[in-house]
Protein backbone atom coordinates (compact mmCIF):
# COMPACT_ATOMS: atom_id res chain seq x y z
CA UNK A 1 0.00 0.00 0.00
CA UNK A 2 2.88 2.36 0.74
CA UNK A 3 4.52 1.98 -2.71
CA UNK A 4 1.39 2.94 -4.72
CA UNK A 5 0.93 5.94 -2.44
CA UNK A 6 4.54 7.04 -2.95
CA UNK A 7 4.18 6.57 -6.71
CA UNK A 8 0.99 8.63 -6.69
CA UNK A 9 2.71 11.34 -4.66
CA UNK A 10 5.66 11.37 -7.07
CA UNK A 11 3.36 11.70 -10.09
CA UNK A 12 1.43 14.49 -8.37
CA UNK A 13 4.64 16.42 -7.70
CA UNK A 14 5.77 15.95 -11.29
CA UNK A 15 2.44 17.31 -12.54
CA UNK A 16 2.77 20.29 -10.20
CA UNK A 17 6.27 21.03 -11.48
CA UNK A 18 5.14 20.64 -15.08
CA UNK A 19 2.19 22.96 -14.48
CA UNK A 20 4.52 25.50 -12.86
CA UNK A 21 6.89 25.31 -15.85
CA UNK A 22 3.97 25.91 -18.21
CA UNK A 23 2.83 28.84 -16.10
CA UNK A 24 6.33 30.35 -16.17
CA UNK A 25 6.54 29.81 -19.93
CA UNK A 26 3.11 31.36 -20.38
CA UNK A 27 4.06 34.45 -18.37
CA UNK A 28 7.30 34.77 -20.34
CA UNK A 29 5.90 34.45 -23.87
CA UNK A 30 2.14 35.16 -23.79
CA UNK A 31 0.81 38.72 -23.78
CA UNK A 32 -2.89 38.82 -22.95
CA UNK A 33 -3.37 42.52 -23.66
CA UNK A 34 -4.61 42.87 -27.25
CA UNK A 35 -3.48 46.52 -27.30
CA UNK A 36 0.14 45.31 -27.25
CA UNK A 37 -0.30 43.41 -30.51
CA UNK A 38 0.50 44.63 -34.00
CA UNK A 39 0.62 43.34 -37.57
CA UNK A 40 3.71 44.14 -39.66
CA UNK A 41 5.20 43.86 -43.10
CA UNK A 42 8.95 43.84 -43.44
CA UNK A 43 11.96 43.47 -45.68
CA UNK A 44 15.15 41.86 -44.43
CA UNK A 45 18.74 41.33 -45.49
CA UNK A 46 20.75 38.34 -44.23
CA UNK A 47 24.20 37.24 -45.29
CA UNK A 48 26.88 34.85 -44.13
CA UNK A 49 30.12 35.58 -45.99
CA UNK A 50 33.75 34.75 -45.36
CA UNK A 51 37.17 35.57 -46.75
CA UNK A 52 40.78 34.32 -46.86
CA UNK A 53 43.53 36.92 -47.13
CA UNK A 54 47.27 37.45 -46.88
CA UNK A 55 49.32 40.63 -47.06
CA UNK A 56 48.60 41.15 -50.76
CA UNK A 57 45.61 39.08 -51.85
CA UNK A 58 42.05 38.53 -50.68
CA UNK A 59 39.48 35.94 -51.80
CA UNK A 60 35.96 36.42 -50.46
CA UNK A 61 32.85 34.30 -50.78
CA UNK A 62 29.46 36.03 -50.86
CA UNK A 63 26.03 34.36 -51.25
CA UNK A 64 23.19 35.39 -53.58
CA UNK A 65 19.48 36.07 -52.83
CA UNK A 66 20.24 37.97 -49.65
CA UNK A 67 16.91 39.81 -49.43
CA UNK A 68 13.50 38.73 -48.19
CA UNK A 69 9.92 40.00 -47.79
CA UNK A 70 7.47 38.87 -45.17
CA UNK A 71 4.58 39.30 -42.76
CA UNK A 72 4.49 38.94 -39.01
CA UNK A 73 2.96 39.95 -35.74
CA UNK A 74 4.48 41.45 -32.62
CA UNK A 75 3.56 41.70 -28.96
CA UNK A 76 5.17 43.18 -25.89
CA UNK A 77 7.00 39.88 -25.32
CA UNK A 78 7.66 38.24 -28.66
CA UNK A 79 7.92 38.91 -32.39
CA UNK A 80 7.13 36.27 -35.01
CA UNK A 81 8.11 37.16 -38.59
CA UNK A 82 7.94 34.84 -41.58
CA UNK A 83 9.79 35.86 -44.74
CA UNK A 84 10.08 34.61 -48.29
CA UNK A 85 13.56 34.73 -49.74
CA UNK A 86 13.71 36.80 -52.95
CA UNK A 87 15.53 35.06 -55.78
CA UNK A 88 16.82 36.89 -58.82
CA UNK A 89 16.05 34.76 -61.92
CA UNK A 90 19.17 36.17 -63.59
CA UNK A 91 21.50 34.95 -60.82
CA UNK A 92 22.39 31.52 -59.49
CA UNK A 93 20.56 30.46 -56.35
CA UNK A 94 22.15 30.15 -52.92
CA UNK A 95 20.43 27.49 -50.80
CA UNK A 96 20.15 28.69 -47.24
CA UNK A 97 18.76 28.17 -43.76
CA UNK A 98 19.23 31.28 -41.61
CA UNK A 99 17.90 31.65 -38.06
CA UNK A 100 18.97 34.49 -35.77
CA UNK A 101 17.35 35.59 -32.51
CA UNK A 102 18.12 38.03 -29.69
CA UNK A 103 16.31 38.35 -26.36
CA UNK A 104 16.66 39.64 -22.81
CA UNK A 105 15.78 37.19 -20.02
CA UNK A 106 14.93 38.29 -16.49
CA UNK A 107 16.27 41.83 -16.89
CA UNK A 108 20.03 41.14 -16.78
CA UNK A 109 20.64 38.31 -19.26
CA UNK A 110 21.33 39.20 -22.89
CA UNK A 111 21.16 36.12 -25.16
CA UNK A 112 21.76 35.80 -28.89
CA UNK A 113 21.71 32.60 -30.95
CA UNK A 114 22.20 31.90 -34.64
CA UNK A 115 22.23 28.92 -37.00
CA UNK A 116 23.17 29.43 -40.65
CA UNK A 117 23.61 26.81 -43.38
CA UNK A 118 24.48 28.13 -46.85
CA UNK A 119 25.38 26.43 -50.12
CA UNK A 120 26.45 28.38 -53.21
CA UNK A 121 28.75 31.43 -53.13
CA UNK A 122 30.14 34.03 -55.48
CA UNK A 123 33.93 33.67 -55.41
CA UNK A 124 35.32 37.23 -55.58
CA UNK A 125 38.84 38.61 -55.25
CA UNK A 126 40.88 41.81 -55.24
CA UNK A 127 43.33 40.79 -57.99
CA UNK A 128 41.08 41.24 -61.04
CA UNK A 129 40.22 37.59 -61.67
CA UNK A 130 36.57 37.13 -62.83
CA UNK A 131 33.87 36.50 -60.23
CA UNK A 132 32.53 32.95 -60.47
CA UNK A 133 29.51 31.39 -58.75
CA UNK A 134 30.48 28.17 -56.97
CA UNK A 135 27.58 25.89 -56.00
CA UNK A 136 30.04 23.41 -54.44
CA UNK A 137 30.99 25.74 -51.55
CA UNK A 138 29.09 25.09 -48.32
CA UNK A 139 29.17 27.00 -45.04
CA UNK A 140 27.75 26.19 -41.59
CA UNK A 141 27.83 28.63 -38.66
CA UNK A 142 26.25 28.02 -35.24
CA UNK A 143 26.76 30.24 -32.22
CA UNK A 144 25.58 31.50 -28.84
CA UNK A 145 26.40 34.81 -27.13
CA UNK A 146 25.52 35.45 -23.49
CA UNK A 147 26.14 38.58 -21.44
CA UNK A 148 25.20 39.37 -17.84
CA UNK A 149 24.68 43.09 -17.39
CA UNK A 150 25.60 45.19 -14.35
CA UNK A 151 22.15 46.79 -14.22
CA UNK A 152 18.65 45.69 -15.12
CA UNK A 153 18.11 46.30 -18.82
CA UNK A 154 15.40 48.95 -18.75
CA UNK A 155 13.99 48.20 -22.16
CA UNK A 156 12.84 45.32 -24.34
CA UNK A 157 14.05 44.60 -27.88
CA UNK A 158 10.60 43.27 -28.69
CA UNK A 159 9.01 46.51 -27.49
CA UNK A 160 11.43 48.62 -29.51
CA UNK A 161 10.84 46.59 -32.66
CA UNK A 162 7.07 46.44 -32.04
CA UNK A 163 6.67 50.22 -31.63
CA UNK A 164 5.66 50.04 -27.95
CA UNK A 165 6.69 52.37 -25.14
CA UNK A 166 9.25 51.09 -22.64
CA UNK A 167 9.14 51.11 -18.86
CA UNK A 168 12.27 53.26 -18.71
CA UNK A 169 11.31 56.93 -18.33
CA UNK A 170 14.86 58.24 -18.74
CA UNK A 171 15.99 59.67 -22.06
CA UNK A 172 19.26 57.70 -21.94
CA UNK A 173 20.04 54.27 -20.56
CA UNK A 174 23.51 52.70 -20.76
CA UNK A 175 24.83 49.60 -19.01
CA UNK A 176 27.77 47.26 -19.43
CA UNK A 177 28.32 43.59 -18.83
CA UNK A 178 30.50 40.54 -19.25
CA UNK A 179 29.71 37.13 -20.67
CA UNK A 180 30.66 34.11 -22.73
CA UNK A 181 30.34 32.95 -26.31
CA UNK A 182 30.66 29.70 -28.20
CA UNK A 183 30.57 28.95 -31.91
CA UNK A 184 31.07 26.25 -34.51
CA UNK A 185 32.25 27.29 -37.96
CA UNK A 186 32.66 25.12 -41.06
CA UNK A 187 33.14 25.50 -44.79
CA UNK A 188 34.02 23.08 -47.58
CA UNK A 189 34.45 23.02 -51.36
CA UNK A 190 35.21 20.57 -54.17
CA UNK A 191 38.05 20.35 -54.88
CA UNK A 192 38.99 23.52 -52.88
CA UNK A 193 37.79 27.06 -52.27
CA UNK A 194 40.43 28.43 -54.67
CA UNK A 195 40.30 27.80 -58.39
CA UNK A 196 43.16 27.17 -60.80
CA UNK A 197 43.29 30.90 -61.59
CA UNK A 198 43.15 32.18 -57.98
CA UNK A 199 45.29 29.61 -56.14
CA UNK A 200 48.63 31.02 -57.47
CA UNK A 201 47.98 34.21 -55.46
CA UNK A 202 48.17 32.28 -52.14
CA UNK A 203 50.48 29.82 -50.46
CA UNK A 204 49.80 26.11 -50.88
CA UNK A 205 48.21 26.07 -47.41
CA UNK A 206 45.62 28.60 -48.59
CA UNK A 207 44.18 26.13 -51.09
CA UNK A 208 41.71 24.77 -48.52
CA UNK A 209 39.30 21.93 -49.14
CA UNK A 210 37.60 21.98 -45.73
CA UNK A 211 37.77 23.97 -42.49
CA UNK A 212 36.15 23.39 -39.13
CA UNK A 213 36.61 25.35 -35.93
CA UNK A 214 35.07 25.08 -32.46
CA UNK A 215 35.57 28.14 -30.28
CA UNK A 216 34.83 29.34 -26.74
CA UNK A 217 35.64 32.70 -25.22
CA UNK A 218 34.71 35.71 -23.13
CA UNK A 219 33.11 38.96 -24.17
CA UNK A 220 32.25 42.33 -22.69
CA UNK A 221 30.15 45.16 -23.97
CA UNK A 222 27.76 48.07 -23.70
CA UNK A 223 24.01 48.11 -24.24
CA UNK A 224 22.30 51.47 -24.68
CA UNK A 225 18.86 52.98 -25.30
CA UNK A 226 18.03 56.57 -26.26
CA UNK A 227 14.80 58.51 -26.51
CA UNK A 228 15.14 61.04 -29.33
CA UNK A 229 12.83 63.86 -30.46
CA UNK A 230 9.81 63.25 -32.70
CA UNK A 231 8.90 59.88 -31.09
CA UNK A 232 12.14 58.24 -32.24
CA UNK A 233 13.94 55.70 -30.08
CA UNK A 234 17.34 54.17 -30.72
CA UNK A 235 19.55 51.41 -29.37
CA UNK A 236 23.28 50.84 -29.88
CA UNK A 237 25.17 47.74 -28.68
CA UNK A 238 28.88 46.97 -28.97
CA UNK A 239 30.34 43.65 -27.74
CA UNK A 240 33.99 42.71 -28.42
CA UNK A 241 35.27 39.27 -27.42
CA UNK A 242 38.34 37.06 -27.39
CA UNK A 243 38.57 33.28 -27.25
CA UNK A 244 40.31 30.06 -28.16
CA UNK A 245 39.44 28.03 -31.24
CA UNK A 246 40.29 24.44 -32.10
CA UNK A 247 40.93 24.61 -35.87
CA UNK A 248 41.51 21.93 -38.46
CA UNK A 249 42.13 22.59 -42.15
CA UNK A 250 42.02 19.90 -44.81
CA UNK A 251 43.93 20.52 -48.02
CA UNK A 252 43.83 18.53 -51.23
CA UNK A 253 46.92 16.69 -50.00
CA UNK A 254 46.90 16.31 -46.23
CA UNK A 255 45.69 18.48 -43.35
CA UNK A 256 47.08 20.64 -40.56
CA UNK A 257 46.09 22.46 -37.38
CA UNK A 258 47.11 26.15 -37.16
CA UNK A 259 49.45 26.93 -34.27
CA UNK A 260 47.74 30.16 -33.20
CA UNK A 261 44.55 29.28 -31.23
CA UNK A 262 43.31 32.85 -30.77
CA UNK A 263 39.98 34.08 -32.13
CA UNK A 264 38.77 37.69 -32.03
CA UNK A 265 35.19 38.81 -32.44
CA UNK A 266 33.17 42.02 -32.56
CA UNK A 267 29.38 42.30 -32.46
CA UNK A 268 27.49 45.52 -32.90
CA UNK A 269 23.85 46.44 -33.38
CA UNK A 270 22.11 49.70 -34.26
CA UNK A 271 18.33 50.07 -34.10
CA UNK A 272 15.84 52.90 -34.72
CA UNK A 273 12.09 53.00 -34.13
CA UNK A 274 9.58 55.71 -35.04
CA UNK A 275 6.04 55.80 -33.62
CA UNK A 276 3.10 57.65 -35.13
CA UNK A 277 -0.27 56.97 -33.45
CA UNK A 278 -1.20 53.43 -34.51
CA UNK A 279 1.72 52.96 -36.90
CA UNK A 280 5.42 52.44 -36.39
CA UNK A 281 8.57 51.96 -38.44
CA UNK A 282 11.45 49.87 -37.11
CA UNK A 283 14.94 49.59 -38.61
CA UNK A 284 17.77 47.45 -37.26
CA UNK A 285 21.24 46.50 -38.47
CA UNK A 286 23.67 44.08 -36.83
CA UNK A 287 27.07 42.73 -37.77
CA UNK A 288 29.13 39.94 -36.16
CA UNK A 289 32.79 39.57 -37.10
CA UNK A 290 35.02 36.56 -36.25
CA UNK A 291 38.72 36.62 -37.13
CA UNK A 292 41.50 34.05 -36.70
CA UNK A 293 44.91 33.12 -38.11
CA UNK A 294 45.36 30.14 -40.46
CA UNK A 295 49.20 30.32 -40.35
CA UNK A 296 51.45 30.61 -43.43
CA UNK A 297 50.42 34.26 -43.76
CA UNK A 298 46.73 33.46 -44.27
CA UNK A 299 43.94 35.09 -42.23
CA UNK A 300 40.28 34.12 -42.00
CA UNK A 301 37.31 36.44 -41.44
CA UNK A 302 33.67 35.42 -40.97
CA UNK A 303 31.07 38.16 -41.38
CA UNK A 304 27.44 37.65 -40.29
CA UNK A 305 25.14 40.53 -41.23
CA UNK A 306 21.44 41.10 -40.63
CA UNK A 307 19.22 44.10 -41.36
CA UNK A 308 15.44 44.53 -41.15
CA UNK A 309 12.96 47.28 -42.00
CA UNK A 310 9.42 46.76 -40.62
CA UNK A 311 6.21 48.80 -40.86
CA UNK A 312 3.57 47.88 -38.30
CA UNK A 313 -0.07 48.59 -37.42
CA UNK A 314 -0.87 48.51 -33.70
CA UNK A 315 -4.17 47.23 -32.32
CA UNK A 316 -4.31 49.78 -29.51
CA UNK A 317 -7.30 52.09 -29.30
CA UNK A 318 -7.27 55.12 -31.52
CA UNK A 319 -6.63 58.46 -29.83
CA UNK A 320 -9.91 60.34 -29.58
């Protein structure tokens, strides 16, 4: 009789914990005030590009169909946008999966995640060789940034992007913080990222067939919010970081691990929002840079860029 009772008690406690988790999730994500909701149309720009360079030469790899159009809705707590990637019929198609998200959890925790899988790049250079589209080049980038701020963050990114007023009554808010980051970076090509015409401009070790790097590091930064005239609000974030990366490069004949394990990064974001009665316009631009040394005079730079312009209609009551 005791065992069934203990089992029942255990199940009851599990249900209570599960219900509490659902309640916490509901309070975090669900906004029950219809006046905080809005519909929006938007255009976005997303790109994952990378480059190999030495003292004299630079080869960079840039995807196509970088723009998108979409519809979405926003609340005080969350924004859900769905876009259709715009493809130019006169250009080769880049296949892509691109997910990026930024949020603030419990006032002092800044979190950013991204997952990007691209296939098909324009191979460009600075030594006058023709640009060629390479559908054999593939890139994968996955990362997480976390920063704990010294003060409570007195604004919400969702509110800024959704055209809602923030709880901060000051005209200027600035805070700093420290945190961690981790990332996985990969690219590959067949037979290598350099062609017969571009490989002579680099050392033999620059003719890379495959690269993979796993990095961890620390970061610090500033987060700011400004109230400007004419119902304009702005935010500016800058977050430099430094870390260690475990790198492996595969060449057409053999492989090697670069001796320098250092990786340097810089993230920055600029956002503007304009409110006019039931309408708002939101513009944001962010750029993440990751740089490391491949030895033999070769340097690697990964550039992740995202921009979005949104026009929204708020459901709040009209001013009488």
